[in-house]
């Protein structure tokens, strides 16, 4: 934090934009879960455009975009404590260890 009390750490959006602009890089660390889903065509085109330009695996780009979106959603949900608490109760019901089914290898996406 700086003197005015503002957080000086880069946000996930800041980090992602630095990767797009090729001025920074990051690595995903943690447990991965395979989650098949279908993408709306315009979203797919935009994701593919980003990943091709960035020369990064699709999975890394998608994880970054989801992380940015979740940051925004949960930041806004926190303004309604009742809803935030209910959502977080559901979040904590998910046992990550028991549901692990991914290799964690980003090269096979």
N, C-alpha and C. Protein backbone atom coordinates (compact mmCIF):
# COMPACT_ATOMS: atom_id res chain seq x y z
N UNK A 1 0.84 -1.18 0.00
CA UNK A 1 0.00 0.00 0.00
C UNK A 1 0.89 1.24 0.00
N UNK A 2 0.40 2.27 -0.68
CA UNK A 2 1.15 3.52 -0.68
C UNK A 2 0.65 4.41 0.45
N UNK A 3 1.19 5.64 0.52
CA UNK A 3 0.84 6.56 1.61
C UNK A 3 -0.63 6.91 1.65
N UNK A 4 -1.31 6.90 0.52
CA UNK A 4 -2.73 7.26 0.49
C UNK A 4 -3.62 6.07 0.82
N UNK A 5 -3.01 4.91 1.11
CA UNK A 5 -3.79 3.73 1.46
C UNK A 5 -4.24 2.91 0.27
N UNK A 6 -3.80 3.28 -0.93
CA UNK A 6 -4.19 2.54 -2.13
C UNK A 6 -3.25 1.36 -2.33
N UNK A 7 -3.80 0.25 -2.79
CA UNK A 7 -3.02 -0.94 -3.06
C UNK A 7 -2.20 -0.72 -4.33
N UNK A 8 -0.90 -0.91 -4.23
CA UNK A 8 -0.01 -0.70 -5.37
C UNK A 8 0.28 -2.00 -6.13
N UNK A 9 -0.24 -3.12 -5.65
CA UNK A 9 -0.05 -4.39 -6.34
C UNK A 9 -0.82 -4.38 -7.66
N UNK A 10 -0.24 -4.94 -8.72
CA UNK A 10 -0.99 -5.00 -9.98
C UNK A 10 -2.18 -5.95 -9.85
N UNK A 11 -3.27 -5.61 -10.50
CA UNK A 11 -4.44 -6.49 -10.52
C UNK A 11 -4.20 -7.60 -11.53
N UNK A 12 -5.06 -8.61 -11.51
CA UNK A 12 -4.96 -9.66 -12.52
C UNK A 12 -5.16 -9.10 -13.92
N UNK A 13 -6.00 -8.07 -14.03
CA UNK A 13 -6.19 -7.41 -15.32
C UNK A 13 -4.90 -6.72 -15.75
N UNK A 14 -4.24 -6.02 -14.83
CA UNK A 14 -2.97 -5.36 -15.15
C UNK A 14 -1.93 -6.38 -15.64
N UNK A 15 -1.85 -7.50 -14.95
CA UNK A 15 -0.89 -8.54 -15.32
C UNK A 15 -1.20 -9.09 -16.71
N UNK A 16 -2.49 -9.38 -16.96
CA UNK A 16 -2.88 -9.93 -18.26
C UNK A 16 -2.58 -8.93 -19.38
N UNK A 17 -2.92 -7.67 -19.17
CA UNK A 17 -2.65 -6.66 -20.20
C UNK A 17 -1.15 -6.53 -20.47
N UNK A 18 -0.33 -6.67 -19.44
CA UNK A 18 1.11 -6.61 -19.66
C UNK A 18 1.58 -7.80 -20.49
N UNK A 19 0.90 -8.95 -20.33
CA UNK A 19 1.24 -10.11 -21.15
C UNK A 19 0.81 -9.89 -22.60
N UNK A 20 -0.37 -9.32 -22.80
CA UNK A 20 -0.84 -9.05 -24.16
C UNK A 20 0.11 -8.08 -24.84
N UNK A 21 0.54 -7.05 -24.11
CA UNK A 21 1.44 -6.03 -24.67
C UNK A 21 2.89 -6.50 -24.72
N UNK A 22 3.12 -7.72 -24.21
CA UNK A 22 4.45 -8.33 -24.20
C UNK A 22 5.45 -7.54 -23.37
N UNK A 23 4.95 -6.95 -22.28
CA UNK A 23 5.83 -6.23 -21.36
C UNK A 23 5.95 -6.97 -20.03
N UNK A 24 5.27 -8.10 -19.89
CA UNK A 24 5.32 -8.88 -18.66
C UNK A 24 4.91 -10.31 -18.94
N UNK A 25 5.12 -11.17 -17.94
CA UNK A 25 4.69 -12.56 -18.08
C UNK A 25 4.36 -13.10 -16.70
N UNK A 26 3.57 -14.17 -16.71
CA UNK A 26 3.21 -14.82 -15.45
C UNK A 26 3.12 -16.32 -15.69
N UNK A 27 3.07 -17.04 -14.61
CA UNK A 27 2.93 -18.49 -14.69
C UNK A 27 1.74 -18.88 -13.83
N UNK A 28 0.95 -19.85 -14.32
CA UNK A 28 -0.15 -20.38 -13.53
C UNK A 28 0.39 -21.48 -12.63
N UNK A 29 0.06 -21.41 -11.36
CA UNK A 29 0.51 -22.40 -10.40
C UNK A 29 -0.70 -22.90 -9.64
N UNK A 30 -0.80 -24.20 -9.46
CA UNK A 30 -1.90 -24.73 -8.67
C UNK A 30 -2.49 -25.98 -9.28
N UNK A 31 -3.65 -26.33 -8.79
CA UNK A 31 -4.38 -27.51 -9.24
C UNK A 31 -5.28 -27.11 -10.40
N UNK A 32 -5.34 -27.97 -11.41
CA UNK A 32 -6.18 -27.71 -12.57
C UNK A 32 -7.29 -28.74 -12.65
N UNK A 33 -8.44 -28.32 -13.10
CA UNK A 33 -9.59 -29.21 -13.30
C UNK A 33 -10.03 -29.10 -14.75
N UNK A 34 -10.21 -30.24 -15.38
CA UNK A 34 -10.71 -30.21 -16.74
C UNK A 34 -12.21 -29.95 -16.69
N UNK A 35 -12.62 -28.89 -17.39
CA UNK A 35 -14.02 -28.49 -17.41
C UNK A 35 -14.41 -28.24 -18.86
N UNK A 36 -15.01 -29.24 -19.51
CA UNK A 36 -15.41 -29.03 -20.90
C UNK A 36 -16.59 -28.06 -20.97
N UNK A 37 -16.51 -27.14 -21.90
CA UNK A 37 -17.64 -26.23 -22.11
C UNK A 37 -17.59 -25.71 -23.54
N UNK A 38 -18.71 -25.19 -23.99
CA UNK A 38 -18.81 -24.64 -25.34
C UNK A 38 -18.75 -23.13 -25.26
N UNK A 39 -18.00 -22.55 -26.18
CA UNK A 39 -17.88 -21.10 -26.21
C UNK A 39 -18.72 -20.52 -27.34
N UNK A 40 -19.33 -19.40 -27.07
CA UNK A 40 -20.04 -18.62 -28.07
C UNK A 40 -19.01 -18.19 -29.12
N UNK A 41 -19.33 -18.35 -30.41
CA UNK A 41 -18.37 -18.11 -31.50
C UNK A 41 -17.61 -16.79 -31.41
N UNK A 42 -18.29 -15.65 -31.17
CA UNK A 42 -17.52 -14.41 -31.09
C UNK A 42 -16.49 -14.41 -29.94
N UNK A 43 -16.83 -15.08 -28.82
CA UNK A 43 -15.87 -15.17 -27.72
C UNK A 43 -14.68 -16.04 -28.13
N UNK A 44 -14.98 -17.14 -28.82
CA UNK A 44 -13.92 -18.04 -29.28
C UNK A 44 -12.95 -17.30 -30.20
N UNK A 45 -13.50 -16.53 -31.13
CA UNK A 45 -12.65 -15.78 -32.06
C UNK A 45 -11.73 -14.82 -31.31
N UNK A 46 -12.28 -14.14 -30.32
CA UNK A 46 -11.49 -13.17 -29.57
C UNK A 46 -10.41 -13.86 -28.73
N UNK A 47 -10.78 -14.98 -28.10
CA UNK A 47 -9.80 -15.74 -27.32
C UNK A 47 -8.68 -16.25 -28.23
N UNK A 48 -9.06 -16.80 -29.37
CA UNK A 48 -8.05 -17.31 -30.31
C UNK A 48 -7.15 -16.19 -30.82
N UNK A 49 -7.73 -15.03 -31.08
CA UNK A 49 -6.93 -13.89 -31.50
C UNK A 49 -5.92 -13.50 -30.44
N UNK A 50 -6.36 -13.45 -29.18
CA UNK A 50 -5.45 -13.14 -28.07
C UNK A 50 -4.35 -14.19 -27.95
N UNK A 51 -4.75 -15.44 -27.95
CA UNK A 51 -3.75 -16.50 -27.73
C UNK A 51 -2.75 -16.57 -28.87
N UNK A 52 -3.22 -16.37 -30.10
CA UNK A 52 -2.30 -16.38 -31.23
C UNK A 52 -1.32 -15.22 -31.15
N UNK A 53 -1.83 -14.04 -30.81
CA UNK A 53 -0.96 -12.87 -30.70
C UNK A 53 0.03 -13.04 -29.55
N UNK A 54 -0.45 -13.57 -28.43
CA UNK A 54 0.39 -13.73 -27.25
C UNK A 54 1.31 -14.95 -27.34
N UNK A 55 0.98 -15.87 -28.26
CA UNK A 55 1.72 -17.13 -28.38
C UNK A 55 1.71 -17.89 -27.05
N UNK A 56 0.53 -17.98 -26.46
CA UNK A 56 0.33 -18.68 -25.19
C UNK A 56 -0.72 -19.77 -25.38
N UNK A 57 -0.71 -20.79 -24.54
CA UNK A 57 -1.74 -21.82 -24.63
C UNK A 57 -3.13 -21.24 -24.36
N UNK A 58 -4.10 -21.76 -25.06
CA UNK A 58 -5.49 -21.31 -24.89
C UNK A 58 -5.91 -21.42 -23.42
N UNK A 59 -5.51 -22.50 -22.77
CA UNK A 59 -5.89 -22.72 -21.38
C UNK A 59 -5.39 -21.59 -20.48
N UNK A 60 -4.17 -21.13 -20.71
CA UNK A 60 -3.62 -20.05 -19.89
C UNK A 60 -4.42 -18.76 -20.12
N UNK A 61 -4.72 -18.47 -21.37
CA UNK A 61 -5.50 -17.26 -21.69
C UNK A 61 -6.88 -17.34 -21.05
N UNK A 62 -7.55 -18.49 -21.19
CA UNK A 62 -8.88 -18.64 -20.60
C UNK A 62 -8.84 -18.52 -19.08
N UNK A 63 -7.85 -19.14 -18.43
CA UNK A 63 -7.74 -19.03 -16.98
C UNK A 63 -7.53 -17.59 -16.55
N UNK A 64 -6.72 -16.85 -17.28
CA UNK A 64 -6.49 -15.43 -16.96
C UNK A 64 -7.78 -14.63 -17.10
N UNK A 65 -8.50 -14.86 -18.20
CA UNK A 65 -9.75 -14.12 -18.42
C UNK A 65 -10.80 -14.46 -17.36
N UNK A 66 -10.89 -15.73 -16.99
CA UNK A 66 -11.84 -16.14 -15.95
C UNK A 66 -11.46 -15.51 -14.62
N UNK A 67 -10.17 -15.49 -14.31
CA UNK A 67 -9.70 -14.90 -13.06
C UNK A 67 -10.05 -13.41 -12.99
N UNK A 68 -9.87 -12.70 -14.10
CA UNK A 68 -10.21 -11.28 -14.16
C UNK A 68 -11.70 -11.08 -13.95
N UNK A 69 -12.50 -11.89 -14.63
CA UNK A 69 -13.96 -11.77 -14.49
C UNK A 69 -14.40 -12.08 -13.07
N UNK A 70 -13.86 -13.14 -12.48
CA UNK A 70 -14.23 -13.50 -11.11
C UNK A 70 -13.83 -12.41 -10.12
N UNK A 71 -12.66 -11.81 -10.32
CA UNK A 71 -12.26 -10.68 -9.46
C UNK A 71 -13.32 -9.59 -9.48
N UNK A 72 -13.78 -9.25 -10.67
CA UNK A 72 -14.78 -8.19 -10.81
C UNK A 72 -16.11 -8.58 -10.18
N UNK A 73 -16.55 -9.81 -10.44
CA UNK A 73 -17.83 -10.28 -9.90
C UNK A 73 -17.80 -10.29 -8.37
N UNK A 74 -16.76 -10.87 -7.79
CA UNK A 74 -16.71 -10.98 -6.33
C UNK A 74 -16.49 -9.62 -5.67
N UNK A 75 -15.77 -8.73 -6.34
CA UNK A 75 -15.63 -7.37 -5.80
C UNK A 75 -16.99 -6.70 -5.71
N UNK A 76 -17.80 -6.86 -6.74
CA UNK A 76 -19.14 -6.26 -6.73
C UNK A 76 -20.08 -6.99 -5.78
N UNK A 77 -19.98 -8.31 -5.70
CA UNK A 77 -20.82 -9.06 -4.77
C UNK A 77 -20.54 -8.67 -3.32
N UNK A 78 -19.31 -8.31 -3.03
CA UNK A 78 -18.95 -7.96 -1.65
C UNK A 78 -19.69 -6.72 -1.17
N UNK A 79 -20.28 -5.97 -2.09
CA UNK A 79 -21.06 -4.78 -1.72
C UNK A 79 -22.43 -5.16 -1.16
N UNK A 80 -22.81 -6.42 -1.34
CA UNK A 80 -24.07 -6.94 -0.79
C UNK A 80 -23.70 -8.11 0.13
N UNK A 81 -23.44 -7.83 1.41
CA UNK A 81 -22.93 -8.85 2.32
C UNK A 81 -23.76 -10.13 2.39
N UNK A 82 -25.07 -10.01 2.30
CA UNK A 82 -25.92 -11.20 2.39
C UNK A 82 -25.69 -12.14 1.21
N UNK A 83 -25.69 -11.58 0.01
CA UNK A 83 -25.47 -12.40 -1.19
C UNK A 83 -24.03 -12.92 -1.20
N UNK A 84 -23.09 -12.07 -0.87
CA UNK A 84 -21.68 -12.47 -0.85
C UNK A 84 -21.48 -13.66 0.10
N UNK A 85 -22.06 -13.58 1.29
CA UNK A 85 -21.93 -14.67 2.26
C UNK A 85 -22.54 -15.96 1.72
N UNK A 86 -23.71 -15.86 1.08
CA UNK A 86 -24.37 -17.04 0.52
C UNK A 86 -23.52 -17.68 -0.58
N UNK A 87 -22.96 -16.85 -1.44
CA UNK A 87 -22.11 -17.37 -2.52
C UNK A 87 -20.85 -18.01 -1.93
N UNK A 88 -20.23 -17.35 -0.97
CA UNK A 88 -19.01 -17.89 -0.37
C UNK A 88 -19.28 -19.20 0.37
N UNK A 89 -20.46 -19.34 0.94
CA UNK A 89 -20.84 -20.60 1.58
C UNK A 89 -20.81 -21.72 0.54
N UNK A 90 -21.33 -21.44 -0.66
CA UNK A 90 -21.31 -22.43 -1.74
C UNK A 90 -19.88 -22.70 -2.21
N UNK A 91 -19.07 -21.66 -2.29
CA UNK A 91 -17.68 -21.81 -2.72
C UNK A 91 -16.95 -22.76 -1.78
N UNK A 92 -17.12 -22.57 -0.49
CA UNK A 92 -16.39 -23.38 0.49
C UNK A 92 -16.92 -24.80 0.60
N UNK A 93 -18.05 -25.10 0.00
CA UNK A 93 -18.57 -26.47 -0.03
C UNK A 93 -17.80 -27.34 -1.03
N UNK A 94 -17.12 -26.70 -1.97
CA UNK A 94 -16.39 -27.44 -3.00
C UNK A 94 -15.06 -27.90 -2.41
N UNK A 95 -14.85 -29.22 -2.37
CA UNK A 95 -13.62 -29.77 -1.85
C UNK A 95 -12.67 -30.00 -3.02
N UNK A 96 -11.72 -29.11 -3.17
CA UNK A 96 -10.80 -29.14 -4.30
C UNK A 96 -10.02 -30.45 -4.35
N UNK A 97 -9.54 -30.92 -3.22
CA UNK A 97 -8.73 -32.14 -3.18
C UNK A 97 -9.48 -33.35 -3.69
N UNK A 98 -10.74 -33.50 -3.32
CA UNK A 98 -11.52 -34.66 -3.74
C UNK A 98 -11.90 -34.61 -5.21
N UNK A 99 -12.02 -33.41 -5.76
CA UNK A 99 -12.49 -33.31 -7.14
C UNK A 99 -11.37 -33.11 -8.14
N UNK A 100 -10.11 -33.24 -7.72
CA UNK A 100 -8.98 -33.04 -8.63
C UNK A 100 -9.02 -34.08 -9.73
N UNK A 101 -9.01 -33.61 -10.97
CA UNK A 101 -9.03 -34.53 -12.11
C UNK A 101 -8.19 -34.04 -13.27
N UNK A 102 -7.36 -33.04 -13.05
CA UNK A 102 -6.58 -32.49 -14.14
C UNK A 102 -5.11 -32.80 -14.00
N UNK A 103 -4.43 -32.78 -15.12
CA UNK A 103 -3.01 -33.08 -15.12
C UNK A 103 -2.19 -31.88 -14.71
N UNK A 104 -2.72 -30.68 -14.92
CA UNK A 104 -1.95 -29.48 -14.66
C UNK A 104 -1.01 -29.13 -15.79
N UNK A 105 -0.99 -29.93 -16.83
CA UNK A 105 -0.11 -29.70 -17.96
C UNK A 105 -0.81 -28.80 -18.97
N UNK A 106 -0.34 -27.56 -19.07
CA UNK A 106 -0.98 -26.60 -19.97
C UNK A 106 -0.68 -26.88 -21.44
N UNK A 107 0.29 -27.74 -21.72
CA UNK A 107 0.67 -27.94 -23.12
C UNK A 107 -0.29 -28.86 -23.87
N UNK A 108 -1.21 -29.51 -23.16
CA UNK A 108 -2.09 -30.45 -23.86
C UNK A 108 -3.49 -29.90 -24.05
N UNK A 109 -3.64 -28.57 -24.08
CA UNK A 109 -4.99 -28.03 -24.29
C UNK A 109 -5.24 -27.92 -25.76
